[in-house]
Each structure stands twice: as C-alpha cells, then as structure tokens.
Amino acid sequence: MRSIWNGNISFGLVSIPIKIYPATEDHSISFRQIHTRDNGRIRYRKVCELEDKPVESSEIGRAYEDADGALVPITEEDLAALPLPTTHTLEIEAFISASEIDPLQMGDAYYLGTSGAAGAKPYTLLREALKRSEKVAIAKYAHRGRERLGMLRVVGDTIALHRLLWPDEVREPAGVAPKEKVTVKPAELDLADTLMETLGEVDLNDLRDEYHEALEELVAAKVSGATPTAEPGERPAGAQVVDLMAALKESVRSAKEARGEGAGEGEGEGASEGEAEEEEEEEAAATVHELRGRKKAPAKKAASAKKAPAAEKKTAAAKRGGAKAAKGTKSAEGAAGKAVGRKQAGTKKAAAKKTAAKKQPGKRGTRTAS
C-alpha cells in the first residue's frame, strides 16, 4: 500500500513518526469518452492559451485569480514558507467523545502506520490511551495546500484518521424541510415502530453493490461478443397519493412475509377498530390521503340510495300498522254490537215469561195457599 502523507503525530512532547495510507478504495468501473460515429477516443489536453499548444505536466504551476482576472503565481517555495506548524505534523488539539462529532463533518478515512521502528512504542501508547479513555483525538494537519481537521480513533490494532469538515463548511438545512403543517398521529407512529422492528437489523457485510455486479456482467458479455441477456430492472413507480395508514399496514405485512413470519389477525395494525373508524371520519391531514381511485361522490350517492329504501320501508310499516289498527277497531265494534244484541234478546225473553205468568192466576193462588 502506498502512503500519501509523511509526518509526525504531535502528542504533547511525544512525537510519533507516521505515514498515512488510504483506508478505502473505489470499485467503480471507469468509462472512456468516445466519438460515437467511429469509436475514437476523446481526450482532454492541457493547452496554453497564449501559445495555443499542449503543455507538459512538469511545466504546469498554480496561481490565484483575483477579482479583475489577473493571475498571481504561487510557487511551492511560497507554500513551504507559510508559518504553519501542521505542514508536516498532525497536531493533536484535544480528546473528546465521538458522539460530540456531527456525522455531517465526516469525510475520507485513512490508516496511520509507523515510519520506522522508533515509532512503535509511542504509537502503541497513543492507541492504548485512546482505547482506555473511549475517546477520539481531534487534530489539525496540512494536506493538499490547506490545513485540515481530523479525528483519530482506534480500529483493531491500528489508529485511523477521519478527515473532518470545518464547522463553517457544513451548511444549515434552511428551507429544506417541508413547509406544510402536518400532524402525525400516535397510531401512525406505532405502525412505523412496528415496521422498523419487523425490518430488524442488518449485517453491513451482507450487503453488496448489485448495480456494480450487473455492470461487470454487462462488460464481460460485451468483451466476449455475447448479447447481454439481463432483463431491465423494474422502474420505480412515480409518487402516488396513498393512505398512509394503509401503506404502513401493507409494509408491515410484506416485511413479515419476507422474513417468513405470519401476520396474525389484527397484529401490527397499531390502532383499534374504533380508532380506525374515527380516523376515517376525520379530515385527512397532509400526510394521510385517500387511496388513488377512491371517490367520495359515489359513496354519498350510495348512502342516499340506502336511505331511500329505508324511508319506504318505514312508510310501508306505518300503513300496515294503520290497517291493523283499523281492523282491530272494526272487530271491537262488532263484538260490542253482538253483546248488545244478546242482552236485548234476554230482556225480551224475560218479559214474555212474566206476561205468561200473569195469565194463569189459579195456579199462582194455589201455590200461595199451600
């Protein structure tokens, strides 16, 4: 591995000779620009504007362009004479907790190795001190024409250097967040928590660059003269207005199926039936929209259609009730009439018997004497 920087770590009065090595590598496949008509290479040449001819790298220097366009040459001697203690020294400024560093400041990563046997002991001392303190070291160093900020931490048996952006190089996220006022309901947060738990954790070593692998297969097929047989990937659907609760529930169900888990009835929904009905009645917030294709007008029409038959049934029931009442009244009147007739008939019969008794005085007197 080739080093990109040589210098010393300044740890108080302790000096540690080190070399910096890249800790990462880029696996991207590089392409060349060609003329599509004849596949000729397209090259960029460095040309002097005054002489109008290509210039060798050894003849190229650097300059600063001021406001009026004038170029001020800056030589390597000028840079070497700058009063910077970090020109060849990685100066440790302080030790802090890694949680105090904003991840937005994190940049490229490097490994620090010793330069010679004399650096082994102080290197190991710094490494073990970082381990025991569970802190990271903040340092300044000069690289590629400017002073930089770095963080030292322990990775295995090695000290790693992470380049940090200066705090004023991190932009404020003003105007990036949504401007619409939205409300997230507890039931939606519960479903989001359930989805996060269902998706679970992942070992980053198990993840791979599928696009890079497919690109390698494509290049290999082209080199061998074969026709690529890979099917085009599925294009993501455009943004859709969906019911957020329904989308979360479906996401939980799909995640459980992918993990081989069966979603129980009502499991993971995060809201009771009463809450769901209440949410349907409420006005949709900015984060909750109706499913595409759902129309309110037919629903209202259907509701009116349901109300009409109900009203007709009530009217019919009322008519049947009135008929039964009328029938009952007639029956009562008929029964009363029959009773009056029977009473009148009994009265006439009694009067006839009394008249017959008056017409037989002998028999009546005989009974009285005896």
Protein backbone atom coordinates (compact mmCIF):
# COMPACT_ATOMS: atom_id res chain seq x y z
CA MET A 1 0.00 0.00 0.00
CA ARG A 2 1.38 3.39 -0.98
CA SER A 3 1.40 6.22 1.59
CA ILE A 4 0.03 9.64 0.65
CA TRP A 5 1.47 11.72 3.53
CA ASN A 6 4.55 11.52 5.74
CA GLY A 7 4.96 13.38 9.01
CA ASN A 8 4.61 13.12 12.76
CA ILE A 9 1.83 12.96 15.32
CA SER A 10 2.46 15.56 17.99
CA PHE A 11 1.09 14.17 21.27
CA GLY A 12 2.22 16.79 23.76
CA LEU A 13 6.01 16.43 23.81
CA VAL A 14 5.74 12.94 22.31
CA SER A 15 6.44 12.76 18.58
CA ILE A 16 5.27 9.74 16.60
CA PRO A 17 6.64 9.36 13.04
CA ILE A 18 3.81 8.13 10.81
CA LYS A 19 2.66 7.56 7.26
CA ILE A 20 -0.93 7.99 6.06
CA TYR A 21 -2.50 5.30 3.87
CA PRO A 22 -5.92 5.36 2.18
CA ALA A 23 -8.39 3.26 4.18
CA THR A 24 -10.97 2.95 1.40
CA GLU A 25 -10.99 2.16 -2.31
CA ASP A 26 -13.34 2.91 -5.16
CA HIS A 27 -14.68 -0.10 -7.09
CA SER A 28 -16.46 1.96 -9.70
CA ILE A 29 -15.97 0.91 -13.32
CA SER A 30 -14.34 3.72 -15.27
CA PHE A 31 -15.59 4.59 -18.75
CA ARG A 32 -13.80 6.49 -21.51
CA GLN A 33 -15.46 9.04 -23.69
CA ILE A 34 -15.59 8.09 -27.37
CA HIS A 35 -16.77 9.51 -30.65
CA THR A 36 -19.96 7.50 -31.28
CA ARG A 37 -19.51 7.68 -35.05
CA ASP A 38 -16.19 5.81 -35.21
CA ASN A 39 -15.44 4.86 -31.55
CA GLY A 40 -12.42 7.17 -31.49
CA ARG A 41 -11.15 8.22 -28.04
CA ILE A 42 -12.00 11.70 -26.82
CA ARG A 43 -9.04 13.18 -24.90
CA TYR A 44 -8.59 16.39 -22.97
CA ARG A 45 -5.30 18.16 -23.44
CA LYS A 46 -3.84 20.94 -21.33
CA VAL A 47 -3.15 23.79 -23.71
CA CYS A 48 -1.50 27.14 -23.04
CA GLU A 49 -3.88 29.89 -24.16
CA LEU A 50 -1.03 32.20 -25.21
CA GLU A 51 0.94 29.69 -27.26
CA ASP A 52 -2.07 27.58 -28.28
CA LYS A 53 -0.18 24.29 -27.85
CA PRO A 54 -0.19 21.39 -25.34
CA VAL A 55 1.91 21.77 -22.16
CA GLU A 56 3.69 19.01 -20.22
CA SER A 57 2.77 18.44 -16.56
CA SER A 58 6.26 19.44 -15.44
CA GLU A 59 5.67 22.92 -16.87
CA ILE A 60 2.36 23.47 -15.07
CA GLY A 61 2.26 25.55 -11.86
CA ARG A 62 -0.51 27.24 -9.87
CA ALA A 63 -1.79 30.77 -9.50
CA TYR A 64 -4.50 32.73 -7.75
CA GLU A 65 -7.02 34.66 -9.87
CA ASP A 66 -8.11 37.92 -8.30
CA ALA A 67 -11.36 39.82 -8.88
CA ASP A 68 -10.21 41.57 -12.09
CA GLY A 69 -8.97 38.32 -13.64
CA ALA A 70 -5.25 38.86 -13.05
CA LEU A 71 -3.26 35.70 -12.19
CA VAL A 72 -0.89 35.77 -9.21
CA PRO A 73 1.62 32.87 -9.37
CA ILE A 74 2.06 30.84 -6.14
CA THR A 75 5.16 28.64 -6.05
CA GLU A 76 6.00 25.60 -3.94
CA GLU A 77 8.59 27.74 -2.13
CA ASP A 78 5.86 30.22 -1.20
CA LEU A 79 3.74 27.43 0.29
CA ALA A 80 6.68 25.88 2.15
CA ALA A 81 7.45 29.24 3.79
CA LEU A 82 3.98 29.52 5.35
CA PRO A 83 4.19 29.65 9.19
CA LEU A 84 2.09 26.54 9.71
CA PRO A 85 3.16 24.08 12.43
CA THR A 86 0.94 21.47 10.78
CA THR A 87 2.84 21.41 7.48
CA HIS A 88 4.41 18.07 8.34
CA THR A 89 2.83 17.48 11.73
CA LEU A 90 -0.52 16.08 12.79
CA GLU A 91 -1.09 18.22 15.87
CA ILE A 92 -3.46 16.73 18.48
CA GLU A 93 -5.62 19.52 19.95
CA ALA A 94 -7.95 17.67 22.34
CA PHE A 95 -9.70 14.42 23.24
CA ILE A 96 -13.49 14.26 23.13
CA SER A 97 -16.33 11.74 22.91
CA ALA A 98 -17.11 10.53 19.40
CA SER A 99 -20.79 11.40 19.98
CA GLU A 100 -19.84 15.10 20.00
CA ILE A 101 -18.90 14.99 16.30
CA ASP A 102 -21.64 15.69 13.79
CA PRO A 103 -21.68 12.87 11.18
CA LEU A 104 -22.10 15.58 8.53
CA GLN A 105 -18.49 16.56 9.18
CA MET A 106 -17.11 13.09 8.46
CA GLY A 107 -15.01 12.80 5.32
CA ASP A 108 -12.42 10.43 3.85
CA ALA A 109 -10.81 7.77 6.05
CA TYR A 110 -7.14 6.82 6.31
CA TYR A 111 -4.95 4.41 8.28
CA LEU A 112 -1.93 5.68 10.19
CA GLY A 113 1.14 3.47 10.14
CA THR A 114 4.51 3.94 11.83
CA SER A 115 7.52 5.24 9.95
CA GLY A 116 10.44 3.22 11.31
CA ALA A 117 10.91 1.10 14.42
CA ALA A 118 11.33 4.14 16.66
CA GLY A 119 7.66 5.00 16.30
CA ALA A 120 6.31 1.64 17.50
CA LYS A 121 6.35 2.43 21.23
CA PRO A 122 4.74 5.91 21.15
CA TYR A 123 2.25 4.69 18.50
CA THR A 124 1.15 1.84 20.78
CA LEU A 125 0.97 4.21 23.76
CA LEU A 126 -1.42 6.55 21.93
CA ARG A 127 -3.53 3.64 20.67
CA GLU A 128 -3.95 2.10 24.13
CA ALA A 129 -4.67 5.51 25.69
CA LEU A 130 -7.47 6.06 23.16
CA LYS A 131 -8.86 2.59 23.88
CA ARG A 132 -8.92 3.05 27.64
CA SER A 133 -10.40 6.56 27.54
CA GLU A 134 -13.04 5.54 24.94
CA LYS A 135 -12.46 8.91 23.33
CA VAL A 136 -11.22 10.19 19.99
CA ALA A 137 -8.46 12.70 19.31
CA ILE A 138 -9.06 15.90 17.37
CA ALA A 139 -6.05 17.02 15.34
CA LYS A 140 -5.04 19.55 12.70
CA TYR A 141 -2.75 18.82 9.75
CA ALA A 142 -1.85 20.29 6.37
CA HIS A 143 -2.63 18.34 3.21
CA ARG A 144 -3.01 19.32 -0.44
CA GLY A 145 -2.42 23.00 0.05
CA ARG A 146 -4.62 23.65 3.06
CA GLU A 147 -4.93 22.99 6.77
CA ARG A 148 -7.42 20.30 7.63
CA LEU A 149 -9.24 18.96 10.67
CA GLY A 150 -9.08 15.28 11.57
CA MET A 151 -10.30 12.71 14.07
CA LEU A 152 -8.15 9.83 15.35
CA ARG A 153 -9.79 6.64 16.58
CA VAL A 154 -8.79 3.03 17.12
CA VAL A 155 -9.73 0.38 14.53
CA GLY A 156 -8.48 -3.02 15.65
CA ASP A 157 -4.73 -2.58 16.29
CA THR A 158 -4.50 0.46 14.06
CA ILE A 159 -5.13 4.17 14.50
CA ALA A 160 -7.46 5.55 11.84
CA LEU A 161 -7.72 9.15 10.70
CA HIS A 162 -11.06 10.58 9.53
CA ARG A 163 -10.90 13.88 7.71
CA LEU A 164 -13.42 16.33 9.17
CA LEU A 165 -15.00 19.35 7.58
CA TRP A 166 -14.57 22.58 9.46
CA PRO A 167 -17.83 23.53 11.25
CA ASP A 168 -18.35 26.52 8.92
CA GLU A 169 -18.19 24.17 5.91
CA VAL A 170 -21.39 22.41 6.94
CA ARG A 171 -24.42 24.18 5.51
CA GLU A 172 -27.55 24.90 7.51
CA PRO A 173 -30.60 22.93 6.28
CA ALA A 174 -32.68 26.10 5.94
CA GLY A 175 -35.65 25.76 3.60
CA VAL A 176 -35.14 22.02 3.07
CA ALA A 177 -37.75 20.62 5.47
CA PRO A 178 -41.43 20.53 4.34
CA LYS A 179 -43.17 23.85 4.81
CA GLU A 180 -46.63 22.31 5.12
CA LYS A 181 -48.03 21.91 8.62
CA VAL A 182 -48.79 18.25 9.19
CA THR A 183 -49.83 16.15 12.15
CA VAL A 184 -48.54 12.64 12.76
CA LYS A 185 -50.97 10.56 14.81
CA PRO A 186 -49.88 8.17 17.57
CA ALA A 187 -51.35 5.24 15.63
CA GLU A 188 -49.13 6.09 12.65
CA LEU A 189 -46.06 6.27 14.87
CA ASP A 190 -46.98 2.90 16.38
CA LEU A 191 -47.16 1.38 12.91
CA ALA A 192 -43.85 2.97 11.95
CA ASP A 193 -42.26 1.45 15.08
CA THR A 194 -43.74 -1.94 14.20
CA LEU A 195 -42.36 -1.68 10.66
CA MET A 196 -38.90 -0.75 11.98
CA GLU A 197 -38.91 -3.71 14.36
CA THR A 198 -40.11 -6.06 11.62
CA LEU A 199 -37.40 -4.96 9.19
CA GLY A 200 -34.93 -5.51 12.01
CA GLU A 201 -31.17 -5.05 11.77
CA VAL A 202 -28.69 -5.98 9.07
CA ASP A 203 -25.05 -7.01 8.92
CA LEU A 204 -23.43 -4.47 6.59
CA ASN A 205 -21.04 -7.20 5.41
CA ASP A 206 -24.04 -8.98 3.86
CA LEU A 207 -24.89 -6.02 1.63
CA ARG A 208 -23.40 -5.83 -1.86
CA ASP A 209 -23.38 -3.48 -4.82
CA GLU A 210 -25.82 -5.24 -7.17
CA TYR A 211 -25.55 -2.50 -9.77
CA HIS A 212 -21.76 -2.92 -9.90
CA GLU A 213 -22.12 -6.70 -10.30
CA ALA A 214 -24.64 -6.30 -13.11
CA LEU A 215 -22.36 -3.77 -14.81
CA GLU A 216 -19.41 -6.18 -14.64
CA GLU A 217 -21.56 -8.91 -16.26
CA LEU A 218 -22.58 -6.48 -18.99
CA VAL A 219 -18.97 -5.52 -19.72
CA ALA A 220 -17.87 -9.18 -19.71
CA ALA A 221 -20.63 -10.06 -22.18
CA LYS A 222 -19.66 -7.19 -24.47
CA VAL A 223 -15.97 -8.19 -24.37
CA SER A 224 -16.80 -11.80 -25.31
CA GLY A 225 -19.07 -10.65 -28.12
CA ALA A 226 -22.17 -12.11 -26.49
CA THR A 227 -25.52 -10.39 -26.34
CA PRO A 228 -26.44 -9.26 -22.82
CA THR A 229 -29.35 -11.33 -21.53
CA ALA A 230 -30.06 -9.42 -18.35
CA GLU A 231 -33.62 -8.20 -18.08
CA PRO A 232 -34.07 -4.48 -17.40
CA GLY A 233 -34.73 -3.65 -13.78
CA GLU A 234 -38.16 -2.64 -12.65
CA ARG A 235 -38.57 1.11 -12.79
CA PRO A 236 -39.82 2.67 -9.57
CA ALA A 237 -43.36 3.94 -9.74
CA GLY A 238 -43.93 7.65 -9.60
CA ALA A 239 -45.07 9.42 -6.48
CA GLN A 240 -48.59 8.40 -5.57
CA VAL A 241 -51.12 9.84 -3.15
CA VAL A 242 -51.81 6.98 -0.76
CA ASP A 243 -53.49 6.34 2.55
CA LEU A 244 -50.54 6.47 4.96
CA MET A 245 -52.11 4.08 7.46
CA ALA A 246 -52.92 1.55 4.74
CA ALA A 247 -49.41 1.84 3.30
CA LEU A 248 -47.83 1.26 6.72
CA LYS A 249 -50.02 -1.77 7.40
CA GLU A 250 -49.20 -3.24 3.99
CA SER A 251 -45.49 -2.56 4.56
CA VAL A 252 -45.58 -4.41 7.89
CA ARG A 253 -47.41 -7.35 6.29
CA SER A 254 -44.95 -7.55 3.38
CA ALA A 255 -41.93 -7.30 5.71
CA LYS A 256 -43.25 -10.15 7.87
CA GLU A 257 -43.88 -12.31 4.82
CA ALA A 258 -40.34 -11.63 3.59
CA ARG A 259 -38.99 -12.76 6.97
CA GLY A 260 -41.17 -15.87 6.93
CA GLU A 261 -43.44 -14.63 9.68
CA GLY A 262 -47.20 -14.83 9.51
CA ALA A 263 -49.02 -11.65 10.38
CA GLY A 264 -51.75 -12.53 12.89
CA GLU A 265 -55.23 -11.12 12.59
CA GLY A 266 -55.12 -7.51 13.68
CA GLU A 267 -51.42 -7.80 14.54
CA GLY A 268 -49.24 -4.81 13.88
CA GLU A 269 -52.09 -2.53 12.91
CA GLY A 270 -51.33 -0.17 15.77
CA ALA A 271 -54.91 1.09 16.11
CA SER A 272 -58.18 -0.32 17.38
CA GLU A 273 -61.29 -0.62 15.25
CA GLY A 274 -62.80 2.40 16.98
CA GLU A 275 -59.70 4.48 16.29
CA ALA A 276 -59.71 3.41 12.66
CA GLU A 277 -63.35 4.46 12.26
CA GLU A 278 -62.59 7.76 13.94
CA GLU A 279 -59.66 8.37 11.58
CA GLU A 280 -61.88 7.69 8.55
CA GLU A 281 -64.34 10.31 9.73
CA GLU A 282 -61.66 12.94 10.35
CA GLU A 283 -60.39 15.31 7.67
CA ALA A 284 -57.27 13.85 6.00
CA ALA A 285 -54.03 15.54 7.10
CA ALA A 286 -51.15 16.37 4.75
CA THR A 287 -49.51 13.02 5.48
CA VAL A 288 -52.70 10.97 5.11
CA HIS A 289 -54.55 10.84 1.81
CA GLU A 290 -57.20 8.61 0.34
CA LEU A 291 -56.18 5.75 -1.86
CA ARG A 292 -55.99 6.54 -5.54
CA GLY A 293 -59.25 5.66 -7.24
CA ARG A 294 -61.42 6.09 -4.17
CA LYS A 295 -64.24 8.56 -4.94
CA LYS A 296 -66.44 10.29 -2.44
CA ALA A 297 -69.33 11.17 -4.77
CA PRO A 298 -70.47 7.57 -5.45
CA ALA A 299 -70.22 6.86 -1.74
CA LYS A 300 -72.63 9.69 -0.96
CA LYS A 301 -74.94 8.55 -3.74
CA ALA A 302 -74.89 5.05 -2.38
CA ALA A 303 -75.67 6.36 1.07
CA SER A 304 -78.67 8.27 -0.30
CA ALA A 305 -79.81 5.14 -2.12
CA LYS A 306 -79.64 3.22 1.15
CA LYS A 307 -81.64 5.91 2.97
CA ALA A 308 -84.44 5.89 0.36
CA PRO A 309 -85.38 2.20 0.73
CA ALA A 310 -85.25 2.63 4.49
CA ALA A 311 -87.73 5.52 4.29
CA GLU A 312 -90.00 3.49 2.01
CA LYS A 313 -89.91 0.57 4.46
CA LYS A 314 -90.89 2.91 7.32
CA THR A 315 -93.85 4.27 5.29
CA ALA A 316 -95.00 0.77 4.39
CA ALA A 317 -94.74 -0.31 8.02
CA ALA A 318 -96.81 2.68 9.07
CA LYS A 319 -99.52 1.79 6.52
CA ARG A 320 -99.61 -1.81 7.71
CA GLY A 321 -99.85 -0.59 11.31
CA GLY A 322 -102.76 1.69 10.41
CA ALA A 323 -104.57 -1.13 8.63
CA LYS A 324 -104.15 -3.42 11.62
CA ALA A 325 -105.44 -0.69 13.93
CA ALA A 326 -108.49 -0.12 11.73
CA LYS A 327 -109.18 -3.82 11.56
CA GLY A 328 -108.91 -4.06 15.32
CA THR A 329 -111.40 -1.20 15.77
CA LYS A 330 -113.95 -2.86 13.47
CA SER A 331 -113.55 -6.13 15.32
CA ALA A 332 -114.13 -4.41 18.67
CA GLU A 333 -117.24 -2.64 17.34
CA GLY A 334 -118.62 -5.95 16.01
CA ALA A 335 -118.09 -7.70 19.33
CA ALA A 336 -119.80 -4.86 21.20
CA GLY A 337 -122.79 -5.00 18.84
CA LYS A 338 -123.23 -8.73 19.37
CA ALA A 339 -123.12 -8.29 23.13
CA VAL A 340 -125.86 -5.60 22.99
CA GLY A 341 -127.98 -7.86 20.78
CA ARG A 342 -127.66 -10.79 23.21
CA LYS A 343 -128.66 -8.55 26.13
CA GLN A 344 -131.71 -7.20 24.34
CA ALA A 345 -132.79 -10.73 23.40
CA GLY A 346 -132.52 -11.83 27.04
CA THR A 347 -134.63 -8.88 28.21
CA LYS A 348 -137.43 -9.64 25.70
CA LYS A 349 -137.47 -13.30 26.75
CA ALA A 350 -137.80 -12.39 30.44
CA ALA A 351 -140.69 -10.01 29.68
CA ALA A 352 -142.54 -12.73 27.76
CA LYS A 353 -142.30 -15.17 30.69
CA LYS A 354 -143.65 -12.56 33.10
CA THR A 355 -146.66 -11.89 30.86
CA ALA A 356 -147.43 -15.61 30.61
CA ALA A 357 -147.39 -15.97 34.39
CA LYS A 358 -149.95 -13.20 34.84
CA LYS A 359 -152.38 -15.02 32.52
CA GLN A 360 -152.55 -18.11 34.91
CA PRO A 361 -153.93 -16.77 38.30
CA GLY A 362 -155.23 -20.15 39.62
CA LYS A 363 -152.12 -21.91 39.63
CA ARG A 364 -150.42 -18.89 41.16
CA GLY A 365 -153.05 -18.70 44.04
CA THR A 366 -152.91 -22.44 44.79
CA ARG A 367 -149.23 -22.20 45.32
CA THR A 368 -149.73 -19.30 47.74
CA ALA A 369 -152.38 -21.08 49.94
CA SER A 370 -150.49 -24.32 50.39
